[in-house]
Amino acid sequence: DNLGAGWFHQWQTDAFSADHIRLRGNF
């Protein structure tokens, strides 16, 4: 689950563009 990065509060997401997302964390 979550590419091994743990629970959702251990990584962040934001909008990279109108149709792209960016996930940041230790994956």
mmCIF file of all heavy atoms, coordinates in Angstrom:
data_MODEL
# 
_entry.id   MODEL 
# 
loop_
_atom_site.group_PDB 
_atom_site.id 
_atom_site.type_symbol 
_atom_site.label_atom_id 
_atom_site.label_alt_id 
_atom_site.label_comp_id 
_atom_site.label_asym_id 
_atom_site.label_entity_id 
_atom_site.label_seq_id 
_atom_site.pdbx_PDB_ins_code 
_atom_site.Cartn_x 
_atom_site.Cartn_y 
_atom_site.Cartn_z 
_atom_site.occupancy 
_atom_site.B_iso_or_equiv 
_atom_site.pdbx_formal_charge 
_atom_site.auth_seq_id 
_atom_site.auth_comp_id 
_atom_site.auth_asym_id 
_atom_site.auth_atom_id 
_atom_site.pdbx_PDB_model_num 
ATOM 1   N N   . ASP A 1 1  ? 0.848  -1.187 0.000   1.00 0.00 ? 1  ASP A N   1 
ATOM 2   C CA  . ASP A 1 1  ? 0.000  0.000  0.000   1.00 0.00 ? 1  ASP A CA  1 
ATOM 3   C C   . ASP A 1 1  ? 0.886  1.242  0.000   1.00 0.00 ? 1  ASP A C   1 
ATOM 4   O O   . ASP A 1 1  ? 1.856  1.325  0.760   1.00 0.00 ? 1  ASP A O   1 
ATOM 5   C CB  . ASP A 1 1  ? -0.890 -0.029 1.249   1.00 0.00 ? 1  ASP A CB  1 
ATOM 6   C CG  . ASP A 1 1  ? -2.004 0.983  1.186   1.00 0.00 ? 1  ASP A CG  1 
ATOM 7   O OD1 . ASP A 1 1  ? -2.060 1.747  0.209   1.00 0.00 ? 1  ASP A OD1 1 
ATOM 8   O OD2 . ASP A 1 1  ? -2.829 1.018  2.122   1.00 0.00 ? 1  ASP A OD2 1 
ATOM 9   N N   . ASN A 1 2  ? 0.559  2.207  -0.866  1.00 0.00 ? 2  ASN A N   1 
ATOM 10  C CA  . ASN A 1 2  ? 1.284  3.477  -0.930  1.00 0.00 ? 2  ASN A CA  1 
ATOM 11  C C   . ASN A 1 2  ? 2.755  3.308  -1.277  1.00 0.00 ? 2  ASN A C   1 
ATOM 12  O O   . ASN A 1 2  ? 3.617  4.057  -0.803  1.00 0.00 ? 2  ASN A O   1 
ATOM 13  C CB  . ASN A 1 2  ? 1.134  4.251  0.389   1.00 0.00 ? 2  ASN A CB  1 
ATOM 14  C CG  . ASN A 1 2  ? -0.321 4.585  0.688   1.00 0.00 ? 2  ASN A CG  1 
ATOM 15  O OD1 . ASN A 1 2  ? -1.117 4.765  -0.235  1.00 0.00 ? 2  ASN A OD1 1 
ATOM 16  N ND2 . ASN A 1 2  ? -0.672 4.637  1.951   1.00 0.00 ? 2  ASN A ND2 1 
ATOM 17  N N   . LEU A 1 3  ? 3.073  2.313  -2.105  1.00 0.00 ? 3  LEU A N   1 
ATOM 18  C CA  . LEU A 1 3  ? 4.436  2.089  -2.581  1.00 0.00 ? 3  LEU A CA  1 
ATOM 19  C C   . LEU A 1 3  ? 5.427  1.929  -1.433  1.00 0.00 ? 3  LEU A C   1 
ATOM 20  O O   . LEU A 1 3  ? 6.602  2.264  -1.552  1.00 0.00 ? 3  LEU A O   1 
ATOM 21  C CB  . LEU A 1 3  ? 4.875  3.244  -3.500  1.00 0.00 ? 3  LEU A CB  1 
ATOM 22  C CG  . LEU A 1 3  ? 3.975  3.495  -4.712  1.00 0.00 ? 3  LEU A CG  1 
ATOM 23  C CD1 . LEU A 1 3  ? 4.431  4.735  -5.459  1.00 0.00 ? 3  LEU A CD1 1 
ATOM 24  C CD2 . LEU A 1 3  ? 3.980  2.290  -5.639  1.00 0.00 ? 3  LEU A CD2 1 
ATOM 25  N N   . GLY A 1 4  ? 4.938  1.427  -0.311  1.00 0.00 ? 4  GLY A N   1 
ATOM 26  C CA  . GLY A 1 4  ? 5.790  1.196  0.848   1.00 0.00 ? 4  GLY A CA  1 
ATOM 27  C C   . GLY A 1 4  ? 6.104  2.435  1.649   1.00 0.00 ? 4  GLY A C   1 
ATOM 28  O O   . GLY A 1 4  ? 6.933  2.399  2.567   1.00 0.00 ? 4  GLY A O   1 
ATOM 29  N N   . ALA A 1 5  ? 5.427  3.558  1.325   1.00 0.00 ? 5  ALA A N   1 
ATOM 30  C CA  . ALA A 1 5  ? 5.757  4.830  1.989   1.00 0.00 ? 5  ALA A CA  1 
ATOM 31  C C   . ALA A 1 5  ? 5.000  5.030  3.296   1.00 0.00 ? 5  ALA A C   1 
ATOM 32  O O   . ALA A 1 5  ? 5.141  6.073  3.933   1.00 0.00 ? 5  ALA A O   1 
ATOM 33  C CB  . ALA A 1 5  ? 5.466  5.992  1.044   1.00 0.00 ? 5  ALA A CB  1 
ATOM 34  N N   . GLY A 1 6  ? 4.193  4.070  3.709   1.00 0.00 ? 6  GLY A N   1 
ATOM 35  C CA  . GLY A 1 6  ? 3.458  4.220  4.965   1.00 0.00 ? 6  GLY A CA  1 
ATOM 36  C C   . GLY A 1 6  ? 2.128  4.912  4.762   1.00 0.00 ? 6  GLY A C   1 
ATOM 37  O O   . GLY A 1 6  ? 1.612  5.025  3.649   1.00 0.00 ? 6  GLY A O   1 
ATOM 38  N N   . TRP A 1 7  ? 1.551  5.391  5.860   1.00 0.00 ? 7  TRP A N   1 
ATOM 39  C CA  . TRP A 1 7  ? 0.239  6.023  5.808   1.00 0.00 ? 7  TRP A CA  1 
ATOM 40  C C   . TRP A 1 7  ? 0.289  7.349  5.055   1.00 0.00 ? 7  TRP A C   1 
ATOM 41  O O   . TRP A 1 7  ? 1.346  7.953  4.894   1.00 0.00 ? 7  TRP A O   1 
ATOM 42  C CB  . TRP A 1 7  ? -0.306 6.245  7.220   1.00 0.00 ? 7  TRP A CB  1 
ATOM 43  C CG  . TRP A 1 7  ? -0.583 4.965  7.931   1.00 0.00 ? 7  TRP A CG  1 
ATOM 44  C CD1 . TRP A 1 7  ? 0.156  4.410  8.931   1.00 0.00 ? 7  TRP A CD1 1 
ATOM 45  C CD2 . TRP A 1 7  ? -1.649 4.048  7.679   1.00 0.00 ? 7  TRP A CD2 1 
ATOM 46  N NE1 . TRP A 1 7  ? -0.387 3.216  9.329   1.00 0.00 ? 7  TRP A NE1 1 
ATOM 47  C CE2 . TRP A 1 7  ? -1.494 2.964  8.585   1.00 0.00 ? 7  TRP A CE2 1 
ATOM 48  C CE3 . TRP A 1 7  ? -2.729 4.034  6.787   1.00 0.00 ? 7  TRP A CE3 1 
ATOM 49  C CZ2 . TRP A 1 7  ? -2.379 1.891  8.604   1.00 0.00 ? 7  TRP A CZ2 1 
ATOM 50  C CZ3 . TRP A 1 7  ? -3.610 2.958  6.812   1.00 0.00 ? 7  TRP A CZ3 1 
ATOM 51  C CH2 . TRP A 1 7  ? -3.428 1.918  7.712   1.00 0.00 ? 7  TRP A CH2 1 
ATOM 52  N N   . PHE A 1 8  ? -0.881 7.808  4.637   1.00 0.00 ? 8  PHE A N   1 
ATOM 53  C CA  . PHE A 1 8  ? -0.969 8.977  3.760   1.00 0.00 ? 8  PHE A CA  1 
ATOM 54  C C   . PHE A 1 8  ? -0.339 10.228 4.366   1.00 0.00 ? 8  PHE A C   1 
ATOM 55  O O   . PHE A 1 8  ? 0.121  11.108 3.641   1.00 0.00 ? 8  PHE A O   1 
ATOM 56  C CB  . PHE A 1 8  ? -2.428 9.261  3.386   1.00 0.00 ? 8  PHE A CB  1 
ATOM 57  C CG  . PHE A 1 8  ? -3.306 9.569  4.559   1.00 0.00 ? 8  PHE A CG  1 
ATOM 58  C CD1 . PHE A 1 8  ? -3.447 10.870 5.010   1.00 0.00 ? 8  PHE A CD1 1 
ATOM 59  C CD2 . PHE A 1 8  ? -4.002 8.562  5.205   1.00 0.00 ? 8  PHE A CD2 1 
ATOM 60  C CE1 . PHE A 1 8  ? -4.257 11.172 6.082   1.00 0.00 ? 8  PHE A CE1 1 
ATOM 61  C CE2 . PHE A 1 8  ? -4.822 8.860  6.285   1.00 0.00 ? 8  PHE A CE2 1 
ATOM 62  C CZ  . PHE A 1 8  ? -4.953 10.150 6.721   1.00 0.00 ? 8  PHE A CZ  1 
ATOM 63  N N   . HIS A 1 9  ? -0.322 10.339 5.716   1.00 0.00 ? 9  HIS A N   1 
ATOM 64  C CA  . HIS A 1 9  ? 0.247  11.547 6.307   1.00 0.00 ? 9  HIS A CA  1 
ATOM 65  C C   . HIS A 1 9  ? 1.773  11.565 6.212   1.00 0.00 ? 9  HIS A C   1 
ATOM 66  O O   . HIS A 1 9  ? 2.406  12.558 6.605   1.00 0.00 ? 9  HIS A O   1 
ATOM 67  C CB  . HIS A 1 9  ? -0.199 11.676 7.777   1.00 0.00 ? 9  HIS A CB  1 
ATOM 68  C CG  . HIS A 1 9  ? 0.230  10.534 8.647   1.00 0.00 ? 9  HIS A CG  1 
ATOM 69  N ND1 . HIS A 1 9  ? -0.578 9.447  8.869   1.00 0.00 ? 9  HIS A ND1 1 
ATOM 70  C CD2 . HIS A 1 9  ? 1.372  10.314 9.330   1.00 0.00 ? 9  HIS A CD2 1 
ATOM 71  C CE1 . HIS A 1 9  ? 0.057  8.591  9.673   1.00 0.00 ? 9  HIS A CE1 1 
ATOM 72  N NE2 . HIS A 1 9  ? 1.232  9.092  9.960   1.00 0.00 ? 9  HIS A NE2 1 
ATOM 73  N N   . GLN A 1 10 ? 2.381  10.490 5.695   1.00 0.00 ? 10 GLN A N   1 
ATOM 74  C CA  . GLN A 1 10 ? 3.828  10.440 5.551   1.00 0.00 ? 10 GLN A CA  1 
ATOM 75  C C   . GLN A 1 10 ? 4.289  10.850 4.148   1.00 0.00 ? 10 GLN A C   1 
ATOM 76  O O   . GLN A 1 10 ? 5.477  10.804 3.866   1.00 0.00 ? 10 GLN A O   1 
ATOM 77  C CB  . GLN A 1 10 ? 4.339  9.033  5.885   1.00 0.00 ? 10 GLN A CB  1 
ATOM 78  C CG  . GLN A 1 10 ? 4.110  8.653  7.348   1.00 0.00 ? 10 GLN A CG  1 
ATOM 79  C CD  . GLN A 1 10 ? 4.520  7.225  7.643   1.00 0.00 ? 10 GLN A CD  1 
ATOM 80  O OE1 . GLN A 1 10 ? 3.820  6.266  7.365   1.00 0.00 ? 10 GLN A OE1 1 
ATOM 81  N NE2 . GLN A 1 10 ? 5.713  7.085  8.211   1.00 0.00 ? 10 GLN A NE2 1 
ATOM 82  N N   . TRP A 1 11 ? 3.341  11.231 3.278   1.00 0.00 ? 11 TRP A N   1 
ATOM 83  C CA  . TRP A 1 11 ? 3.696  11.738 1.960   1.00 0.00 ? 11 TRP A CA  1 
ATOM 84  C C   . TRP A 1 11 ? 2.691  12.812 1.570   1.00 0.00 ? 11 TRP A C   1 
ATOM 85  O O   . TRP A 1 11 ? 1.638  12.941 2.168   1.00 0.00 ? 11 TRP A O   1 
ATOM 86  C CB  . TRP A 1 11 ? 3.751  10.622 0.914   1.00 0.00 ? 11 TRP A CB  1 
ATOM 87  C CG  . TRP A 1 11 ? 2.640  9.621  0.976   1.00 0.00 ? 11 TRP A CG  1 
ATOM 88  C CD1 . TRP A 1 11 ? 2.571  8.511  1.775   1.00 0.00 ? 11 TRP A CD1 1 
ATOM 89  C CD2 . TRP A 1 11 ? 1.420  9.629  0.223   1.00 0.00 ? 11 TRP A CD2 1 
ATOM 90  N NE1 . TRP A 1 11 ? 1.404  7.827  1.571   1.00 0.00 ? 11 TRP A NE1 1 
ATOM 91  C CE2 . TRP A 1 11 ? 0.673  8.487  0.619   1.00 0.00 ? 11 TRP A CE2 1 
ATOM 92  C CE3 . TRP A 1 11 ? 0.900  10.464 -0.757  1.00 0.00 ? 11 TRP A CE3 1 
ATOM 93  C CZ2 . TRP A 1 11 ? -0.563 8.179  0.070   1.00 0.00 ? 11 TRP A CZ2 1 
ATOM 94  C CZ3 . TRP A 1 11 ? -0.337 10.156 -1.297  1.00 0.00 ? 11 TRP A CZ3 1 
ATOM 95  C CH2 . TRP A 1 11 ? -1.051 9.024  -0.889  1.00 0.00 ? 11 TRP A CH2 1 
ATOM 96  N N   . GLN A 1 12 ? 3.047  13.622 0.583   1.00 0.00 ? 12 GLN A N   1 
ATOM 97  C CA  . GLN A 1 12 ? 2.217  14.750 0.179   1.00 0.00 ? 12 GLN A CA  1 
ATOM 98  C C   . GLN A 1 12 ? 1.879  14.669 -1.302  1.00 0.00 ? 12 GLN A C   1 
ATOM 99  O O   . GLN A 1 12 ? 2.603  14.052 -2.095  1.00 0.00 ? 12 GLN A O   1 
ATOM 100 C CB  . GLN A 1 12 ? 2.931  16.079 0.455   1.00 0.00 ? 12 GLN A CB  1 
ATOM 101 C CG  . GLN A 1 12 ? 3.063  16.425 1.927   1.00 0.00 ? 12 GLN A CG  1 
ATOM 102 C CD  . GLN A 1 12 ? 3.642  17.811 2.114   1.00 0.00 ? 12 GLN A CD  1 
ATOM 103 O OE1 . GLN A 1 12 ? 4.540  18.223 1.393   1.00 0.00 ? 12 GLN A OE1 1 
ATOM 104 N NE2 . GLN A 1 12 ? 3.120  18.546 3.084   1.00 0.00 ? 12 GLN A NE2 1 
ATOM 105 N N   . THR A 1 13 ? 0.773  15.309 -1.668  1.00 0.00 ? 13 THR A N   1 
ATOM 106 C CA  . THR A 1 13 ? 0.388  15.407 -3.069  1.00 0.00 ? 13 THR A CA  1 
ATOM 107 C C   . THR A 1 13 ? 0.040  16.856 -3.385  1.00 0.00 ? 13 THR A C   1 
ATOM 108 O O   . THR A 1 13 ? -0.433 17.598 -2.522  1.00 0.00 ? 13 THR A O   1 
ATOM 109 C CB  . THR A 1 13 ? -0.839 14.526 -3.380  1.00 0.00 ? 13 THR A CB  1 
ATOM 110 O OG1 . THR A 1 13 ? -1.908 14.882 -2.492  1.00 0.00 ? 13 THR A OG1 1 
ATOM 111 C CG2 . THR A 1 13 ? -0.521 13.057 -3.206  1.00 0.00 ? 13 THR A CG2 1 
ATOM 112 N N   . ASP A 1 14 ? 0.286  17.245 -4.619  1.00 0.00 ? 14 ASP A N   1 
ATOM 113 C CA  . ASP A 1 14 ? -0.162 18.553 -5.072  1.00 0.00 ? 14 ASP A CA  1 
ATOM 114 C C   . ASP A 1 14 ? -0.407 18.489 -6.578  1.00 0.00 ? 14 ASP A C   1 
ATOM 115 O O   . ASP A 1 14 ? -0.130 17.478 -7.233  1.00 0.00 ? 14 ASP A O   1 
ATOM 116 C CB  . ASP A 1 14 ? 0.821  19.667 -4.705  1.00 0.00 ? 14 ASP A CB  1 
ATOM 117 C CG  . ASP A 1 14 ? 2.199  19.464 -5.320  1.00 0.00 ? 14 ASP A CG  1 
ATOM 118 O OD1 . ASP A 1 14 ? 2.312  18.722 -6.321  1.00 0.00 ? 14 ASP A OD1 1 
ATOM 119 O OD2 . ASP A 1 14 ? 3.171  20.035 -4.807  1.00 0.00 ? 14 ASP A OD2 1 
ATOM 120 N N   . ALA A 1 15 ? -0.950 19.561 -7.117  1.00 0.00 ? 15 ALA A N   1 
ATOM 121 C CA  . ALA A 1 15 ? -1.233 19.632 -8.548  1.00 0.00 ? 15 ALA A CA  1 
ATOM 122 C C   . ALA A 1 15 ? 0.013  20.127 -9.271  1.00 0.00 ? 15 ALA A C   1 
ATOM 123 O O   . ALA A 1 15 ? 0.460  21.257 -9.066  1.00 0.00 ? 15 ALA A O   1 
ATOM 124 C CB  . ALA A 1 15 ? -2.422 20.547 -8.799  1.00 0.00 ? 15 ALA A CB  1 
ATOM 125 N N   . PHE A 1 16 ? 0.597  19.288 -10.129 1.00 0.00 ? 16 PHE A N   1 
ATOM 126 C CA  . PHE A 1 16 ? 1.752  19.678 -10.922 1.00 0.00 ? 16 PHE A CA  1 
ATOM 127 C C   . PHE A 1 16 ? 1.307  20.519 -12.116 1.00 0.00 ? 16 PHE A C   1 
ATOM 128 O O   . PHE A 1 16 ? 2.011  21.408 -12.569 1.00 0.00 ? 16 PHE A O   1 
ATOM 129 C CB  . PHE A 1 16 ? 2.500  18.423 -11.384 1.00 0.00 ? 16 PHE A CB  1 
ATOM 130 C CG  . PHE A 1 16 ? 3.779  18.701 -12.100 1.00 0.00 ? 16 PHE A CG  1 
ATOM 131 C CD1 . PHE A 1 16 ? 4.894  19.140 -11.400 1.00 0.00 ? 16 PHE A CD1 1 
ATOM 132 C CD2 . PHE A 1 16 ? 3.877  18.539 -13.471 1.00 0.00 ? 16 PHE A CD2 1 
ATOM 133 C CE1 . PHE A 1 16 ? 6.091  19.399 -12.055 1.00 0.00 ? 16 PHE A CE1 1 
ATOM 134 C CE2 . PHE A 1 16 ? 5.064  18.798 -14.131 1.00 0.00 ? 16 PHE A CE2 1 
ATOM 135 C CZ  . PHE A 1 16 ? 6.170  19.229 -13.420 1.00 0.00 ? 16 PHE A CZ  1 
ATOM 136 N N   . SER A 1 17 ? 0.101  20.221 -12.616 1.00 0.00 ? 17 SER A N   1 
ATOM 137 C CA  . SER A 1 17 ? -0.541 21.006 -13.672 1.00 0.00 ? 17 SER A CA  1 
ATOM 138 C C   . SER A 1 17 ? -2.037 20.706 -13.595 1.00 0.00 ? 17 SER A C   1 
ATOM 139 O O   . SER A 1 17 ? -2.491 20.060 -12.653 1.00 0.00 ? 17 SER A O   1 
ATOM 140 C CB  . SER A 1 17 ? 0.025  20.648 -15.056 1.00 0.00 ? 17 SER A CB  1 
ATOM 141 O OG  . SER A 1 17 ? -0.331 19.329 -15.414 1.00 0.00 ? 17 SER A OG  1 
ATOM 142 N N   . ALA A 1 18 ? -2.797 21.169 -14.579 1.00 0.00 ? 18 ALA A N   1 
ATOM 143 C CA  . ALA A 1 18 ? -4.250 20.977 -14.544 1.00 0.00 ? 18 ALA A CA  1 
ATOM 144 C C   . ALA A 1 18 ? -4.639 19.511 -14.604 1.00 0.00 ? 18 ALA A C   1 
ATOM 145 O O   . ALA A 1 18 ? -5.710 19.127 -14.107 1.00 0.00 ? 18 ALA A O   1 
ATOM 146 C CB  . ALA A 1 18 ? -4.912 21.739 -15.694 1.00 0.00 ? 18 ALA A CB  1 
ATOM 147 N N   . ASP A 1 19 ? -3.802 18.667 -15.197 1.00 0.00 ? 19 ASP A N   1 
ATOM 148 C CA  . ASP A 1 19 ? -4.134 17.244 -15.302 1.00 0.00 ? 19 ASP A CA  1 
ATOM 149 C C   . ASP A 1 19 ? -2.985 16.335 -14.869 1.00 0.00 ? 19 ASP A C   1 
ATOM 150 O O   . ASP A 1 19 ? -2.914 15.177 -15.267 1.00 0.00 ? 19 ASP A O   1 
ATOM 151 C CB  . ASP A 1 19 ? -4.574 16.890 -16.727 1.00 0.00 ? 19 ASP A CB  1 
ATOM 152 C CG  . ASP A 1 19 ? -3.555 17.333 -17.776 1.00 0.00 ? 19 ASP A CG  1 
ATOM 153 O OD1 . ASP A 1 19 ? -2.443 17.755 -17.390 1.00 0.00 ? 19 ASP A OD1 1 
ATOM 154 O OD2 . ASP A 1 19 ? -3.877 17.247 -18.977 1.00 0.00 ? 19 ASP A OD2 1 
ATOM 155 N N   . HIS A 1 20 ? -2.073 16.869 -14.055 1.00 0.00 ? 20 HIS A N   1 
ATOM 156 C CA  . HIS A 1 20 ? -0.969 16.078 -13.519 1.00 0.00 ? 20 HIS A CA  1 
ATOM 157 C C   . HIS A 1 20 ? -0.866 16.295 -12.012 1.00 0.00 ? 20 HIS A C   1 
ATOM 158 O O   . HIS A 1 20 ? -1.072 17.406 -11.511 1.00 0.00 ? 20 HIS A O   1 
ATOM 159 C CB  . HIS A 1 20 ? 0.363  16.458 -14.171 1.00 0.00 ? 20 HIS A CB  1 
ATOM 160 C CG  . HIS A 1 20 ? 0.523  15.930 -15.567 1.00 0.00 ? 20 HIS A CG  1 
ATOM 161 N ND1 . HIS A 1 20 ? -0.121 16.488 -16.641 1.00 0.00 ? 20 HIS A ND1 1 
ATOM 162 C CD2 . HIS A 1 20 ? 1.250  14.881 -16.057 1.00 0.00 ? 20 HIS A CD2 1 
ATOM 163 C CE1 . HIS A 1 20 ? 0.209  15.824 -17.741 1.00 0.00 ? 20 HIS A CE1 1 
ATOM 164 N NE2 . HIS A 1 20 ? 1.035  14.853 -17.421 1.00 0.00 ? 20 HIS A NE2 1 
ATOM 165 N N   . ILE A 1 21 ? -0.546 15.231 -11.311 1.00 0.00 ? 21 ILE A N   1 
ATOM 166 C CA  . ILE A 1 21 ? -0.346 15.321 -9.864  1.00 0.00 ? 21 ILE A CA  1 
ATOM 167 C C   . ILE A 1 21 ? 1.099  14.965 -9.540  1.00 0.00 ? 21 ILE A C   1 
ATOM 168 O O   . ILE A 1 21 ? 1.783  14.286 -10.315 1.00 0.00 ? 21 ILE A O   1 
ATOM 169 C CB  . ILE A 1 21 ? -1.300 14.386 -9.091  1.00 0.00 ? 21 ILE A CB  1 
ATOM 170 C CG1 . ILE A 1 21 ? -1.055 12.918 -9.474  1.00 0.00 ? 21 ILE A CG1 1 
ATOM 171 C CG2 . ILE A 1 21 ? -2.742 14.787 -9.316  1.00 0.00 ? 21 ILE A CG2 1 
ATOM 172 C CD1 . ILE A 1 21 ? -1.814 11.930 -8.609  1.00 0.00 ? 21 ILE A CD1 1 
ATOM 173 N N   . ARG A 1 22 ? 1.575  15.448 -8.383  1.00 0.00 ? 22 ARG A N   1 
ATOM 174 C CA  . ARG A 1 22 ? 2.922  15.150 -7.918  1.00 0.00 ? 22 ARG A CA  1 
ATOM 175 C C   . ARG A 1 22 ? 2.828  14.582 -6.512  1.00 0.00 ? 22 ARG A C   1 
ATOM 176 O O   . ARG A 1 22 ? 2.177  15.148 -5.629  1.00 0.00 ? 22 ARG A O   1 
ATOM 177 C CB  . ARG A 1 22 ? 3.771  16.412 -7.928  1.00 0.00 ? 22 ARG A CB  1 
ATOM 178 C CG  . ARG A 1 22 ? 5.162  16.217 -7.327  1.00 0.00 ? 22 ARG A CG  1 
ATOM 179 C CD  . ARG A 1 22 ? 6.069  17.388 -7.644  1.00 0.00 ? 22 ARG A CD  1 
ATOM 180 N NE  . ARG A 1 22 ? 5.404  18.671 -7.376  1.00 0.00 ? 22 ARG A NE  1 
ATOM 181 C CZ  . ARG A 1 22 ? 5.820  19.826 -7.894  1.00 0.00 ? 22 ARG A CZ  1 
ATOM 182 N NH1 . ARG A 1 22 ? 6.860  19.858 -8.696  1.00 0.00 ? 22 ARG A NH1 1 
ATOM 183 N NH2 . ARG A 1 22 ? 5.190  20.953 -7.601  1.00 0.00 ? 22 ARG A NH2 1 
ATOM 184 N N   . LEU A 1 23 ? 3.447  13.422 -6.308  1.00 0.00 ? 23 LEU A N   1 
ATOM 185 C CA  . LEU A 1 23 ? 3.524  12.793 -5.000  1.00 0.00 ? 23 LEU A CA  1 
ATOM 186 C C   . LEU A 1 23 ? 4.948  12.937 -4.484  1.00 0.00 ? 23 LEU A C   1 
ATOM 187 O O   . LEU A 1 23 ? 5.909  12.654 -5.207  1.00 0.00 ? 23 LEU A O   1 
ATOM 188 C CB  . LEU A 1 23 ? 3.155  11.305 -5.070  1.00 0.00 ? 23 LEU A CB  1 
ATOM 189 C CG  . LEU A 1 23 ? 1.675  10.934 -5.228  1.00 0.00 ? 23 LEU A CG  1 
ATOM 190 C CD1 . LEU A 1 23 ? 1.182  11.251 -6.636  1.00 0.00 ? 23 LEU A CD1 1 
ATOM 191 C CD2 . LEU A 1 23 ? 1.455  9.474  -4.909  1.00 0.00 ? 23 LEU A CD2 1 
ATOM 192 N N   . ARG A 1 24 ? 5.077  13.388 -3.235  1.00 0.00 ? 24 ARG A N   1 
ATOM 193 C CA  . ARG A 1 24 ? 6.381  13.569 -2.629  1.00 0.00 ? 24 ARG A CA  1 
ATOM 194 C C   . ARG A 1 24 ? 6.462  12.768 -1.345  1.00 0.00 ? 24 ARG A C   1 
ATOM 195 O O   . ARG A 1 24 ? 5.571  12.827 -0.501  1.00 0.00 ? 24 ARG A O   1 
ATOM 196 C CB  . ARG A 1 24 ? 6.618  15.047 -2.324  1.00 0.00 ? 24 ARG A CB  1 
ATOM 197 C CG  . ARG A 1 24 ? 6.770  15.917 -3.572  1.00 0.00 ? 24 ARG A CG  1 
ATOM 198 C CD  . ARG A 1 24 ? 6.833  17.385 -3.211  1.00 0.00 ? 24 ARG A CD  1 
ATOM 199 N NE  . ARG A 1 24 ? 7.193  18.211 -4.351  1.00 0.00 ? 24 ARG A NE  1 
ATOM 200 C CZ  . ARG A 1 24 ? 7.154  19.525 -4.345  1.00 0.00 ? 24 ARG A CZ  1 
ATOM 201 N NH1 . ARG A 1 24 ? 6.779  20.163 -3.247  1.00 0.00 ? 24 ARG A NH1 1 
ATOM 202 N NH2 . ARG A 1 24 ? 7.489  20.213 -5.422  1.00 0.00 ? 24 ARG A NH2 1 
ATOM 203 N N   . GLY A 1 25 ? 7.532  12.010 -1.218  1.00 0.00 ? 25 GLY A N   1 
ATOM 204 C CA  . GLY A 1 25 ? 7.738  11.202 -0.019  1.00 0.00 ? 25 GLY A CA  1 
ATOM 205 C C   . GLY A 1 25 ? 8.830  10.183 -0.238  1.00 0.00 ? 25 GLY A C   1 
ATOM 206 O O   . GLY A 1 25 ? 9.479  10.137 -1.295  1.00 0.00 ? 25 GLY A O   1 
ATOM 207 N N   . ASN A 1 26 ? 9.033  9.338  0.764   1.00 0.00 ? 26 ASN A N   1 
ATOM 208 C CA  . ASN A 1 26 ? 10.032 8.288  0.673   1.00 0.00 ? 26 ASN A CA  1 
ATOM 209 C C   . ASN A 1 26 ? 9.340  7.019  0.178   1.00 0.00 ? 26 ASN A C   1 
ATOM 210 O O   . ASN A 1 26 ? 8.721  6.296  0.941   1.00 0.00 ? 26 ASN A O   1 
ATOM 211 C CB  . ASN A 1 26 ? 10.677 8.045  2.038   1.00 0.00 ? 26 ASN A CB  1 
ATOM 212 C CG  . ASN A 1 26 ? 11.708 6.932  1.994   1.00 0.00 ? 26 ASN A CG  1 
ATOM 213 O OD1 . ASN A 1 26 ? 12.260 6.629  0.925   1.00 0.00 ? 26 ASN A OD1 1 
ATOM 214 N ND2 . ASN A 1 26 ? 11.961 6.310  3.135   1.00 0.00 ? 26 ASN A ND2 1 
ATOM 215 N N   . PHE A 1 27 ? 9.451  6.774  -1.131  1.00 0.00 ? 27 PHE A N   1 
ATOM 216 C CA  . PHE A 1 27 ? 8.782  5.621  -1.740  1.00 0.00 ? 27 PHE A CA  1 
ATOM 217 C C   . PHE A 1 27 ? 9.809  4.520  -1.998  1.00 0.00 ? 27 PHE A C   1 
ATOM 218 O O   . PHE A 1 27 ? 10.595 4.594  -2.958  1.00 0.00 ? 27 PHE A O   1 
ATOM 219 C CB  . PHE A 1 27 ? 8.109  6.013  -3.053  1.00 0.00 ? 27 PHE A CB  1 
ATOM 220 C CG  . PHE A 1 27 ? 7.080  7.111  -2.888  1.00 0.00 ? 27 PHE A CG  1 
ATOM 221 C CD1 . PHE A 1 27 ? 7.354  8.408  -3.284  1.00 0.00 ? 27 PHE A CD1 1 
ATOM 222 C CD2 . PHE A 1 27 ? 5.840  6.826  -2.338  1.00 0.00 ? 27 PHE A CD2 1 
ATOM 223 C CE1 . PHE A 1 27 ? 6.422  9.407  -3.150  1.00 0.00 ? 27 PHE A CE1 1 
ATOM 224 C CE2 . PHE A 1 27 ? 4.890  7.812  -2.192  1.00 0.00 ? 27 PHE A CE2 1 
ATOM 225 C CZ  . PHE A 1 27 ? 5.170  9.110  -2.582  1.00 0.00 ? 27 PHE A CZ  1 
# 
